[in-house]
């Protein structure tokens, strides 16, 4: 199994490295698509956690799918070349995707264990809220960096950025 995973990772890395972009819109859209795939998995995960019948067993496949998508995005963004020597957008996306993966591997796992603990109490709820606050604050900074880099990229290459409807859905707008 480990060999299969290593081969799959190598193929993914080579495929991402072979990505060459001559159009700044395609480059931007590639990065946004990686982020949107994570967002779609996050929404599915959140919907499952919020369901009345949620259990650790019912949520786990969504959790694992979200983690796999985050890992895929991190792998792809790390092998993505700079666009015409400009790495700011890629680097900002890499920081954001690394944060997603780190949060998944640490805070999200802790939150799942808390939420599905049969002894969940008010203290656990307070802990959960503290974790969510820290995640939201850190993500806000990294997302702001990404949006600034994306806007600078759009300005440099005369691109009009469209509103991301998936982001609106994630933000609850």
Protein backbone atom coordinates (compact mmCIF):
# COMPACT_ATOMS: atom_id res chain seq x y z
CA UNK A 1 0.00 0.00 0.00
CA UNK A 2 2.83 2.39 0.86
CA UNK A 3 4.42 1.76 -2.56
CA UNK A 4 1.14 2.54 -4.30
CA UNK A 5 0.78 5.78 -2.35
CA UNK A 6 4.40 6.75 -3.16
CA UNK A 7 3.87 6.05 -6.86
CA UNK A 8 0.61 8.01 -6.86
CA UNK A 9 2.33 10.94 -5.14
CA UNK A 10 5.17 10.85 -7.69
CA UNK A 11 2.75 10.79 -10.63
CA UNK A 12 0.77 13.66 -9.12
CA UNK A 13 3.96 15.64 -8.57
CA UNK A 14 5.15 15.05 -12.12
CA UNK A 15 1.76 15.98 -13.53
CA UNK A 16 1.71 19.20 -11.52
CA UNK A 17 5.29 20.02 -12.52
CA UNK A 18 4.36 19.56 -16.14
CA UNK A 19 1.69 22.23 -15.69
CA UNK A 20 2.81 25.16 -17.75
CA UNK A 21 0.73 28.25 -18.02
CA UNK A 22 0.99 30.96 -20.63
CA UNK A 23 -2.28 32.63 -19.73
CA UNK A 24 -2.56 34.41 -16.37
CA UNK A 25 -6.29 33.67 -16.20
CA UNK A 26 -5.63 29.93 -16.50
CA UNK A 27 -2.94 30.17 -13.82
CA UNK A 28 -5.25 32.02 -11.42
CA UNK A 29 -8.14 29.66 -12.19
CA UNK A 30 -5.95 26.62 -11.56
CA UNK A 31 -5.12 27.87 -8.07
CA UNK A 32 -8.73 28.88 -7.35
CA UNK A 33 -9.90 25.47 -8.55
CA UNK A 34 -7.58 23.79 -6.03
CA UNK A 35 -9.04 25.96 -3.29
CA UNK A 36 -12.61 25.30 -4.46
CA UNK A 37 -12.09 21.53 -4.37
CA UNK A 38 -11.07 21.89 -0.72
CA UNK A 39 -14.09 24.10 -0.11
CA UNK A 40 -16.46 21.53 -1.62
CA UNK A 41 -15.08 18.81 0.67
CA UNK A 42 -15.28 21.17 3.65
CA UNK A 43 -18.95 21.93 2.94
CA UNK A 44 -19.80 18.22 2.61
CA UNK A 45 -17.94 17.53 5.87
CA UNK A 46 -19.70 20.35 7.72
CA UNK A 47 -23.11 19.26 6.43
CA UNK A 48 -22.48 15.72 7.63
CA UNK A 49 -21.29 16.89 11.06
CA UNK A 50 -24.41 19.07 11.39
CA UNK A 51 -26.82 16.27 10.49
CA UNK A 52 -29.06 14.96 13.25
CA UNK A 53 -27.76 11.44 12.75
CA UNK A 54 -24.06 12.36 12.72
CA UNK A 55 -21.67 9.97 14.36
CA UNK A 56 -17.93 9.60 14.21
CA UNK A 57 -18.41 6.68 11.81
CA UNK A 58 -20.72 8.65 9.50
CA UNK A 59 -18.45 11.70 9.47
CA UNK A 60 -15.13 9.90 9.07
CA UNK A 61 -15.37 9.29 5.28
CA UNK A 62 -16.05 13.00 4.73
CA UNK A 63 -13.19 13.88 7.06
CA UNK A 64 -10.79 11.59 5.19
CA UNK A 65 -11.94 12.90 1.79
CA UNK A 66 -11.36 16.46 2.97
CA UNK A 67 -7.86 15.59 4.15
CA UNK A 68 -7.02 13.86 0.88
CA UNK A 69 -8.17 16.91 -1.08
CA UNK A 70 -6.07 19.20 1.12
CA UNK A 71 -3.01 16.99 0.68
CA UNK A 72 -3.54 16.94 -3.08
CA UNK A 73 -3.79 20.74 -3.20
CA UNK A 74 -0.63 21.14 -1.11
CA UNK A 75 1.27 18.72 -3.35
CA UNK A 76 0.12 20.48 -6.51
CA UNK A 77 0.75 24.02 -5.29
CA UNK A 78 4.26 23.16 -4.09
CA UNK A 79 5.20 21.95 -7.56
CA UNK A 80 3.50 24.77 -9.45
CA UNK A 81 6.04 27.05 -11.13
CA UNK A 82 5.90 30.79 -10.69
CA UNK A 83 4.04 32.64 -13.43
CA UNK A 84 6.53 34.64 -15.51
CA UNK A 85 8.82 34.79 -12.47
CA UNK A 86 6.02 36.00 -10.19
CA UNK A 87 5.58 33.59 -7.27
CA UNK A 88 3.50 35.81 -4.97
CA UNK A 89 0.12 34.28 -5.79
CA UNK A 90 1.44 30.74 -5.65
CA UNK A 91 3.26 31.40 -2.37
CA UNK A 92 0.18 32.93 -0.77
CA UNK A 93 -1.91 29.94 -1.88
CA UNK A 94 0.76 27.58 -0.56
CA UNK A 95 0.64 29.27 2.85
CA UNK A 96 -3.13 28.97 2.92
CA UNK A 97 -3.18 25.33 1.76
CA UNK A 98 -0.45 24.39 4.26
CA UNK A 99 -2.61 25.96 6.97
CA UNK A 100 -5.64 23.97 5.82
CA UNK A 101 -3.69 20.72 5.96
CA UNK A 102 -2.09 21.49 9.33
CA UNK A 103 -5.48 22.44 10.77
CA UNK A 104 -7.02 19.26 9.38
CA UNK A 105 -4.29 17.10 10.88
CA UNK A 106 -4.43 18.75 14.28
CA UNK A 107 -7.36 20.95 15.24
CA UNK A 108 -10.02 19.22 13.14
CA UNK A 109 -9.04 15.83 14.51
CA UNK A 110 -9.22 17.22 18.07
CA UNK A 111 -12.58 18.82 17.39
CA UNK A 112 -14.03 15.58 16.03
CA UNK A 113 -12.87 13.71 19.10
CA UNK A 114 -14.46 16.35 21.32
CA UNK A 115 -17.76 16.53 19.49
CA UNK A 116 -18.28 12.77 19.39
CA UNK A 117 -17.10 12.11 22.93
CA UNK A 118 -20.05 10.67 24.87
CA UNK A 119 -19.00 12.79 27.86
CA UNK A 120 -19.12 16.06 25.85
CA UNK A 121 -19.89 18.87 28.30
CA UNK A 122 -19.83 22.66 28.66
CA UNK A 123 -16.07 22.69 29.17
CA UNK A 124 -15.61 20.77 25.92
CA UNK A 125 -17.90 23.24 24.17
CA UNK A 126 -15.75 26.13 25.43
CA UNK A 127 -12.62 24.34 24.21
CA UNK A 128 -14.26 23.77 20.84
CA UNK A 129 -15.15 27.46 20.56
CA UNK A 130 -11.58 28.49 21.46
CA UNK A 131 -10.18 26.20 18.76
CA UNK A 132 -12.62 27.59 16.19
CA UNK A 133 -11.72 31.16 17.13
CA UNK A 134 -7.98 30.47 16.70
CA UNK A 135 -8.59 28.78 13.35
CA UNK A 136 -10.78 31.64 12.12
CA UNK A 137 -8.25 34.30 13.13
CA UNK A 138 -5.29 32.54 11.52
CA UNK A 139 -7.25 31.70 8.38
CA UNK A 140 -8.40 35.32 8.12
CA UNK A 141 -4.80 36.49 7.96
CA UNK A 142 -3.74 33.88 5.41
CA UNK A 143 -6.87 34.35 3.32
CA UNK A 144 -6.27 38.10 3.37
CA UNK A 145 -2.71 37.50 2.15
CA UNK A 146 -4.04 35.26 -0.61
CA UNK A 147 -6.69 37.77 -1.68
CA UNK A 148 -4.12 40.59 -1.73
CA UNK A 149 -1.74 38.49 -3.82
CA UNK A 150 -4.56 37.51 -6.14
CA UNK A 151 -5.65 41.13 -6.55
CA UNK A 152 -2.06 42.21 -7.25
CA UNK A 153 -1.76 39.40 -9.81
CA UNK A 154 -5.05 40.43 -11.41
CA UNK A 155 -3.97 44.06 -11.57
CA UNK A 156 -0.56 43.21 -13.06
CA UNK A 157 -2.10 41.03 -15.77
CA UNK A 158 -5.27 43.08 -16.28
CA UNK A 159 -7.61 40.34 -15.11
CA UNK A 160 -11.11 40.89 -13.80
CA UNK A 161 -11.76 38.70 -10.77
CA UNK A 162 -15.23 37.24 -10.37
CA UNK A 163 -16.87 36.70 -7.02
CA UNK A 164 -16.37 33.14 -5.83
CA UNK A 165 -19.84 31.75 -5.10
CA UNK A 166 -18.40 28.75 -3.28
CA UNK A 167 -16.60 31.06 -0.87
CA UNK A 168 -19.91 32.84 -0.24
CA UNK A 169 -21.47 29.47 0.58
CA UNK A 170 -18.61 28.63 2.97
CA UNK A 171 -18.93 32.03 4.63
CA UNK A 172 -22.69 31.54 4.93
CA UNK A 173 -23.60 34.50 2.75
